[in-house]
Amino acid sequence: MRSEREERRSVAADLFEQGGRGQAEIARLSEVTPQAISAWHHRWLAGCREALHSPGTPGAQCRWYGQGRVGHDRG
């Protein structure tokens, strides 16, 4: 799933770089909403292709992560 989103961002970046297309067309070709393209375009303008990379998983990391425990099991 994450790789699919990254691929869509990459397609959008390619289309931004080519120029000559409106955001609605880029949204259709990238298979995302026009709102997502608008946000991505602002980020792209501010920092080029690298600005479109996923920021990662939102939220705090599980406090048990990396301690050999599964989920939130305390046993």
PDB file of N, CA and C in Angstrom:
ATOM      1  N   MET A   1       0.815  -1.193   0.000  1.00  0.00           N
ATOM      2  CA  MET A   1       0.000   0.000   0.000  1.00  0.00           C
ATOM      3  C   MET A   1       0.862   1.261   0.000  1.00  0.00           C
ATOM      4  N   ARG A   2       1.874   1.286   0.861  1.00  0.00           N
ATOM      5  CA  ARG A   2       2.753   2.455   0.928  1.00  0.00           C
ATOM      6  C   ARG A   2       3.480   2.671  -0.387  1.00  0.00           C
ATOM      7  N   SER A   3       3.928   1.569  -1.024  1.00  0.00           N
ATOM      8  CA  SER A   3       4.638   1.698  -2.294  1.00  0.00           C
ATOM      9  C   SER A   3       3.717   2.228  -3.392  1.00  0.00           C
ATOM     10  N   GLU A   4       2.431   1.893  -3.317  1.00  0.00           N
ATOM     11  CA  GLU A   4       1.473   2.423  -4.293  1.00  0.00           C
ATOM     12  C   GLU A   4       1.338   3.927  -4.143  1.00  0.00           C
ATOM     13  N   ARG A   5       1.275   4.399  -2.908  1.00  0.00           N
ATOM     14  CA  ARG A   5       1.184   5.848  -2.683  1.00  0.00           C
ATOM     15  C   ARG A   5       2.449   6.550  -3.162  1.00  0.00           C
ATOM     16  N   GLU A   6       3.598   5.947  -2.902  1.00  0.00           N
ATOM     17  CA  GLU A   6       4.857   6.542  -3.362  1.00  0.00           C
ATOM     18  C   GLU A   6       4.892   6.583  -4.896  1.00  0.00           C
ATOM     19  N   GLU A   7       4.398   5.540  -5.538  1.00  0.00           N
ATOM     20  CA  GLU A   7       4.351   5.505  -7.003  1.00  0.00           C
ATOM     21  C   GLU A   7       3.455   6.614  -7.531  1.00  0.00           C
ATOM     22  N   ARG A   8       2.316   6.835  -6.885  1.00  0.00           N
ATOM     23  CA  ARG A   8       1.407   7.911  -7.315  1.00  0.00           C
ATOM     24  C   ARG A   8       2.066   9.275  -7.153  1.00  0.00           C
ATOM     25  N   ARG A   9       2.795   9.450  -6.053  1.00  0.00           N
ATOM     26  CA  ARG A   9       3.519  10.717  -5.868  1.00  0.00           C
ATOM     27  C   ARG A   9       4.586  10.897  -6.941  1.00  0.00           C
ATOM     28  N   SER A  10       5.243   9.818  -7.313  1.00  0.00           N
ATOM     29  CA  SER A  10       6.276   9.877  -8.343  1.00  0.00           C
ATOM     30  C   SER A  10       5.676  10.244  -9.694  1.00  0.00           C
ATOM     31  N   VAL A  11       4.534   9.654 -10.025  1.00  0.00           N
ATOM     32  CA  VAL A  11       3.846   9.978 -11.278  1.00  0.00           C
ATOM     33  C   VAL A  11       3.465  11.454 -11.285  1.00  0.00           C
ATOM     34  N   ALA A  12       2.917  11.924 -10.173  1.00  0.00           N
ATOM     35  CA  ALA A  12       2.534  13.334 -10.077  1.00  0.00           C
ATOM     36  C   ALA A  12       3.748  14.235 -10.245  1.00  0.00           C
ATOM     37  N   ALA A  13       4.860  13.889  -9.606  1.00  0.00           N
ATOM     38  CA  ALA A  13       6.082  14.700  -9.728  1.00  0.00           C
ATOM     39  C   ALA A  13       6.558  14.757 -11.171  1.00  0.00           C
ATOM     40  N   ASP A  14       6.512  13.619 -11.854  1.00  0.00           N
ATOM     41  CA  ASP A  14       6.898  13.597 -13.273  1.00  0.00           C
ATOM     42  C   ASP A  14       6.024  14.550 -14.080  1.00  0.00           C
ATOM     43  N   LEU A  15       4.730  14.528 -13.818  1.00  0.00           N
ATOM     44  CA  LEU A  15       3.796  15.381 -14.554  1.00  0.00           C
ATOM     45  C   LEU A  15       3.978  16.851 -14.192  1.00  0.00           C
ATOM     46  N   PHE A  16       4.272  17.146 -12.921  1.00  0.00           N
ATOM     47  CA  PHE A  16       4.569  18.533 -12.541  1.00  0.00           C
ATOM     48  C   PHE A  16       5.784  19.033 -13.309  1.00  0.00           C
ATOM     49  N   GLU A  17       6.818  18.192 -13.391  1.00  0.00           N
ATOM     50  CA  GLU A  17       8.070  18.582 -14.056  1.00  0.00           C
ATOM     51  C   GLU A  17       7.876  18.788 -15.552  1.00  0.00           C
ATOM     52  N   GLN A  18       6.998  17.990 -16.168  1.00  0.00           N
ATOM     53  CA  GLN A  18       6.734  18.122 -17.603  1.00  0.00           C
ATOM     54  C   GLN A  18       6.012  19.421 -17.913  1.00  0.00           C
ATOM     55  N   GLY A  19       5.139  19.846 -17.002  1.00  0.00           N
ATOM     56  CA  GLY A  19       4.353  21.058 -17.217  1.00  0.00           C
ATOM     57  C   GLY A  19       3.273  20.838 -18.266  1.00  0.00           C
ATOM     58  N   GLY A  20       2.465  21.858 -18.477  1.00  0.00           N
ATOM     59  CA  GLY A  20       1.452  21.819 -19.517  1.00  0.00           C
ATOM     60  C   GLY A  20       0.169  21.073 -19.170  1.00  0.00           C
ATOM     61  N   ARG A  21       0.026  20.599 -17.952  1.00  0.00           N
ATOM     62  CA  ARG A  21      -1.185  19.890 -17.547  1.00  0.00           C
ATOM     63  C   ARG A  21      -1.765  20.574 -16.313  1.00  0.00           C
ATOM     64  N   GLY A  22      -3.083  20.578 -16.261  1.00  0.00           N
ATOM     65  CA  GLY A  22      -3.760  21.125 -15.093  1.00  0.00           C
ATOM     66  C   GLY A  22      -3.773  20.121 -13.946  1.00  0.00           C
ATOM     67  N   GLN A  23      -4.046  20.621 -12.759  1.00  0.00           N
ATOM     68  CA  GLN A  23      -4.066  19.750 -11.592  1.00  0.00           C
ATOM     69  C   GLN A  23      -5.164  18.693 -11.669  1.00  0.00           C
ATOM     70  N   ALA A  24      -6.305  19.028 -12.280  1.00  0.00           N
ATOM     71  CA  ALA A  24      -7.387  18.044 -12.410  1.00  0.00           C
ATOM     72  C   ALA A  24      -6.939  16.863 -13.285  1.00  0.00           C
ATOM     73  N   GLU A  25      -6.239  17.147 -14.361  1.00  0.00           N
ATOM     74  CA  GLU A  25      -5.740  16.076 -15.232  1.00  0.00           C
ATOM     75  C   GLU A  25      -4.663  15.251 -14.526  1.00  0.00           C
ATOM     76  N   ILE A  26      -3.785  15.914 -13.794  1.00  0.00           N
ATOM     77  CA  ILE A  26      -2.750  15.195 -13.059  1.00  0.00           C
ATOM     78  C   ILE A  26      -3.389  14.297 -12.002  1.00  0.00           C
ATOM     79  N   ALA A  27      -4.429  14.784 -11.351  1.00  0.00           N
ATOM     80  CA  ALA A  27      -5.140  13.968 -10.358  1.00  0.00           C
ATOM     81  C   ALA A  27      -5.716  12.720 -11.010  1.00  0.00           C
ATOM     82  N   ARG A  28      -6.323  12.875 -12.173  1.00  0.00           N
ATOM     83  CA  ARG A  28      -6.909  11.735 -12.877  1.00  0.00           C
ATOM     84  C   ARG A  28      -5.824  10.743 -13.291  1.00  0.00           C
ATOM     85  N   LEU A  29      -4.741  11.237 -13.848  1.00  0.00           N
ATOM     86  CA  LEU A  29      -3.656  10.359 -14.298  1.00  0.00           C
ATOM     87  C   LEU A  29      -2.930   9.677 -13.136  1.00  0.00           C
ATOM     88  N   SER A  30      -2.875  10.356 -11.985  1.00  0.00           N
ATOM     89  CA  SER A  30      -2.199   9.814 -10.808  1.00  0.00           C
ATOM     90  C   SER A  30      -3.130   8.967  -9.947  1.00  0.00           C
ATOM     91  N   GLU A  31      -4.420   8.995 -10.279  1.00  0.00           N
ATOM     92  CA  GLU A  31      -5.440   8.241  -9.543  1.00  0.00           C
ATOM     93  C   GLU A  31      -5.539   8.666  -8.082  1.00  0.00           C
ATOM     94  N   VAL A  32      -5.513   9.983  -7.864  1.00  0.00           N
ATOM     95  CA  VAL A  32      -5.707  10.548  -6.533  1.00  0.00           C
ATOM     96  C   VAL A  32      -6.696  11.700  -6.649  1.00  0.00           C
ATOM     97  N   THR A  33      -7.102  12.239  -5.513  1.00  0.00           N
ATOM     98  CA  THR A  33      -8.066  13.337  -5.522  1.00  0.00           C
ATOM     99  C   THR A  33      -7.395  14.646  -5.940  1.00  0.00           C
ATOM    100  N   PRO A  34      -8.186  15.556  -6.472  1.00  0.00           N
ATOM    101  CA  PRO A  34      -7.641  16.877  -6.796  1.00  0.00           C
ATOM    102  C   PRO A  34      -7.073  17.589  -5.562  1.00  0.00           C
ATOM    103  N   GLN A  35      -7.674  17.344  -4.393  1.00  0.00           N
ATOM    104  CA  GLN A  35      -7.175  17.952  -3.160  1.00  0.00           C
ATOM    105  C   GLN A  35      -5.757  17.457  -2.856  1.00  0.00           C
ATOM    106  N   ALA A  36      -5.510  16.149  -3.061  1.00  0.00           N
ATOM    107  CA  ALA A  36      -4.172  15.605  -2.824  1.00  0.00           C
ATOM    108  C   ALA A  36      -3.171  16.237  -3.791  1.00  0.00           C
ATOM    109  N   ILE A  37      -3.559  16.359  -5.049  1.00  0.00           N
ATOM    110  CA  ILE A  37      -2.663  16.968  -6.048  1.00  0.00           C
ATOM    111  C   ILE A  37      -2.356  18.409  -5.686  1.00  0.00           C
ATOM    112  N   SER A  38      -3.358  19.140  -5.217  1.00  0.00           N
ATOM    113  CA  SER A  38      -3.132  20.529  -4.826  1.00  0.00           C
ATOM    114  C   SER A  38      -2.095  20.610  -3.706  1.00  0.00           C
ATOM    115  N   ALA A  39      -2.253  19.758  -2.691  1.00  0.00           N
ATOM    116  CA  ALA A  39      -1.290  19.743  -1.579  1.00  0.00           C
ATOM    117  C   ALA A  39       0.095  19.330  -2.069  1.00  0.00           C
ATOM    118  N   TRP A  40       0.154  18.291  -2.899  1.00  0.00           N
ATOM    119  CA  TRP A  40       1.435  17.822  -3.416  1.00  0.00           C
ATOM    120  C   TRP A  40       2.106  18.894  -4.269  1.00  0.00           C
ATOM    121  N   HIS A  41       1.293  19.609  -5.063  1.00  0.00           N
ATOM    122  CA  HIS A  41       1.852  20.645  -5.930  1.00  0.00           C
ATOM    123  C   HIS A  41       2.484  21.754  -5.099  1.00  0.00           C
ATOM    124  N   HIS A  42       1.835  22.154  -4.011  1.00  0.00           N
ATOM    125  CA  HIS A  42       2.417  23.168  -3.129  1.00  0.00           C
ATOM    126  C   HIS A  42       3.730  22.671  -2.528  1.00  0.00           C
ATOM    127  N   ARG A  43       3.753  21.403  -2.099  1.00  0.00           N
ATOM    128  CA  ARG A  43       4.979  20.839  -1.543  1.00  0.00           C
ATOM    129  C   ARG A  43       6.060  20.736  -2.609  1.00  0.00           C
ATOM    130  N   TRP A  44       5.660  20.358  -3.817  1.00  0.00           N
ATOM    131  CA  TRP A  44       6.612  20.230  -4.924  1.00  0.00           C
ATOM    132  C   TRP A  44       7.228  21.592  -5.254  1.00  0.00           C
ATOM    133  N   LEU A  45       6.403  22.623  -5.294  1.00  0.00           N
ATOM    134  CA  LEU A  45       6.908  23.968  -5.572  1.00  0.00           C
ATOM    135  C   LEU A  45       7.914  24.413  -4.508  1.00  0.00           C
ATOM    136  N   ALA A  46       7.673  24.008  -3.265  1.00  0.00           N
ATOM    137  CA  ALA A  46       8.535  24.420  -2.164  1.00  0.00           C
ATOM    138  C   ALA A  46       9.834  23.626  -2.092  1.00  0.00           C
ATOM    139  N   GLY A  47       9.815  22.364  -2.565  1.00  0.00           N
ATOM    140  CA  GLY A  47      11.013  21.562  -2.382  1.00  0.00           C
ATOM    141  C   GLY A  47      11.274  20.528  -3.447  1.00  0.00           C
ATOM    142  N   CYS A  48      10.668  20.640  -4.598  1.00  0.00           N
ATOM    143  CA  CYS A  48      10.835  19.700  -5.700  1.00  0.00           C
ATOM    144  C   CYS A  48      10.414  18.279  -5.320  1.00  0.00           C
ATOM    145  N   ARG A  49      10.927  17.322  -6.035  1.00  0.00           N
ATOM    146  CA  ARG A  49      10.503  15.924  -5.913  1.00  0.00           C
ATOM    147  C   ARG A  49      10.669  15.373  -4.491  1.00  0.00           C
ATOM    148  N   GLU A  50      11.751  15.721  -3.820  1.00  0.00           N
ATOM    149  CA  GLU A  50      12.008  15.180  -2.487  1.00  0.00           C
ATOM    150  C   GLU A  50      10.915  15.562  -1.494  1.00  0.00           C
ATOM    151  N   ALA A  51      10.254  16.691  -1.723  1.00  0.00           N
ATOM    152  CA  ALA A  51       9.197  17.143  -0.823  1.00  0.00           C
ATOM    153  C   ALA A  51       7.962  16.249  -0.888  1.00  0.00           C
ATOM    154  N   LEU A  52       7.876  15.419  -1.909  1.00  0.00           N
ATOM    155  CA  LEU A  52       6.700  14.549  -2.056  1.00  0.00           C
ATOM    156  C   LEU A  52       6.868  13.191  -1.396  1.00  0.00           C
ATOM    157  N   HIS A  53       8.041  12.898  -0.876  1.00  0.00           N
ATOM    158  CA  HIS A  53       8.223  11.611  -0.210  1.00  0.00           C
ATOM    159  C   HIS A  53       7.339  11.539   1.024  1.00  0.00           C
ATOM    160  N   SER A  54       6.851  10.363   1.301  1.00  0.00           N
ATOM    161  CA  SER A  54       5.991  10.147   2.455  1.00  0.00           C
ATOM    162  C   SER A  54       6.709  10.519   3.743  1.00  0.00           C
ATOM    163  N   PRO A  55       6.011  11.209   4.636  1.00  0.00           N
ATOM    164  CA  PRO A  55       6.635  11.559   5.909  1.00  0.00           C
ATOM    165  C   PRO A  55       6.713  10.388   6.882  1.00  0.00           C
ATOM    166  N   GLY A  56       6.123   9.268   6.527  1.00  0.00           N
ATOM    167  CA  GLY A  56       6.141   8.105   7.412  1.00  0.00           C
ATOM    168  C   GLY A  56       4.808   7.902   8.101  1.00  0.00           C
ATOM    169  N   THR A  57       4.760   6.933   8.954  1.00  0.00           N
ATOM    170  CA  THR A  57       3.537   6.605   9.664  1.00  0.00           C
ATOM    171  C   THR A  57       3.236   7.677  10.699  1.00  0.00           C
ATOM    172  N   PRO A  58       1.990   8.166  10.727  1.00  0.00           N
ATOM    173  CA  PRO A  58       1.652   9.190  11.706  1.00  0.00           C
ATOM    174  C   PRO A  58       1.506   8.597  13.101  1.00  0.00           C
ATOM    175  N   GLY A  59       1.621   9.433  14.094  1.00  0.00           N
ATOM    176  CA  GLY A  59       1.419   8.992  15.470  1.00  0.00           C
ATOM    177  C   GLY A  59       2.695   8.501  16.129  1.00  0.00           C
ATOM    178  N   ALA A  60       2.550   8.252  17.389  1.00  0.00           N
ATOM    179  CA  ALA A  60       3.691   7.784  18.179  1.00  0.00           C
ATOM    180  C   ALA A  60       3.939   6.306  17.930  1.00  0.00           C
ATOM    181  N   GLN A  61       5.187   5.926  18.029  1.00  0.00           N
ATOM    182  CA  GLN A  61       5.548   4.521  17.876  1.00  0.00           C
ATOM    183  C   GLN A  61       5.141   3.771  19.145  1.00  0.00           C
ATOM    184  N   CYS A  62       4.701   2.544  18.986  1.00  0.00           N
ATOM    185  CA  CYS A  62       4.311   1.715  20.120  1.00  0.00           C
ATOM    186  C   CYS A  62       5.468   1.625  21.106  1.00  0.00           C
ATOM    187  N   ARG A  63       5.177   1.790  22.387  1.00  0.00           N
ATOM    188  CA  ARG A  63       6.255   1.783  23.378  1.00  0.00           C
ATOM    189  C   ARG A  63       6.895   0.420  23.540  1.00  0.00           C
ATOM    190  N   TRP A  64       6.236  -0.641  23.065  1.00  0.00           N
ATOM    191  CA  TRP A  64       6.788  -1.990  23.159  1.00  0.00           C
ATOM    192  C   TRP A  64       7.583  -2.352  21.909  1.00  0.00           C
ATOM    193  N   TYR A  65       7.582  -1.496  20.899  1.00  0.00           N
ATOM    194  CA  TYR A  65       8.275  -1.781  19.651  1.00  0.00           C
ATOM    195  C   TYR A  65       9.757  -2.021  19.922  1.00  0.00           C
ATOM    196  N   GLY A  66      10.270  -3.101  19.376  1.00  0.00           N
ATOM    197  CA  GLY A  66      11.680  -3.391  19.494  1.00  0.00           C
ATOM    198  C   GLY A  66      12.081  -4.094  20.780  1.00  0.00           C
ATOM    199  N   GLN A  67      11.088  -4.436  21.586  1.00  0.00           N
ATOM    200  CA  GLN A  67      11.393  -5.112  22.834  1.00  0.00           C
ATOM    201  C   GLN A  67      10.996  -6.583  22.784  1.00  0.00           C
ATOM    202  N   GLY A  68      10.759  -7.095  21.574  1.00  0.00           N
ATOM    203  CA  GLY A  68      10.436  -8.503  21.428  1.00  0.00           C
ATOM    204  C   GLY A  68       9.028  -8.863  21.832  1.00  0.00           C
ATOM    205  N   ARG A  69       8.166  -7.883  21.944  1.00  0.00           N
ATOM    206  CA  ARG A  69       6.794  -8.136  22.351  1.00  0.00           C
ATOM    207  C   ARG A  69       5.863  -7.893  21.168  1.00  0.00           C
ATOM    208  N   VAL A  70       4.749  -8.556  21.172  1.00  0.00           N
ATOM    209  CA  VAL A  70       3.772  -8.420  20.097  1.00  0.00           C
ATOM    210  C   VAL A  70       2.668  -7.505  20.569  1.00  0.00           C
ATOM    211  N   GLY A  71       2.360  -6.475  19.788  1.00  0.00           N
ATOM    212  CA  GLY A  71       1.271  -5.563  20.124  1.00  0.00           C
ATOM    213  C   GLY A  71       1.503  -4.886  21.466  1.00  0.00           C
ATOM    214  N   HIS A  72       0.466  -4.868  22.282  1.00  0.00           N
ATOM    215  CA  HIS A  72       0.534  -4.223  23.580  1.00  0.00           C
ATOM    216  C   HIS A  72       0.470  -5.254  24.708  1.00  0.00           C
ATOM    217  N   ASP A  73       0.878  -6.449  24.421  1.00  0.00           N
ATOM    218  CA  ASP A  73       0.869  -7.521  25.415  1.00  0.00           C
ATOM    219  C   ASP A  73       1.878  -7.221  26.509  1.00  0.00           C
ATOM    220  N   ARG A  74       1.450  -7.306  27.744  1.00  0.00           N
ATOM    221  CA  ARG A  74       2.343  -7.017  28.862  1.00  0.00           C
ATOM    222  C   ARG A  74       2.790  -8.282  29.587  1.00  0.00           C
ATOM    223  N   GLY A  75       2.435  -9.426  29.051  1.00  0.00           N
ATOM    224  CA  GLY A  75       2.719 -10.662  29.758  1.00  0.00           C
ATOM    225  C   GLY A  75       4.003 -11.300  29.496  1.00  0.00           C
TER     226      GLY A  75
END
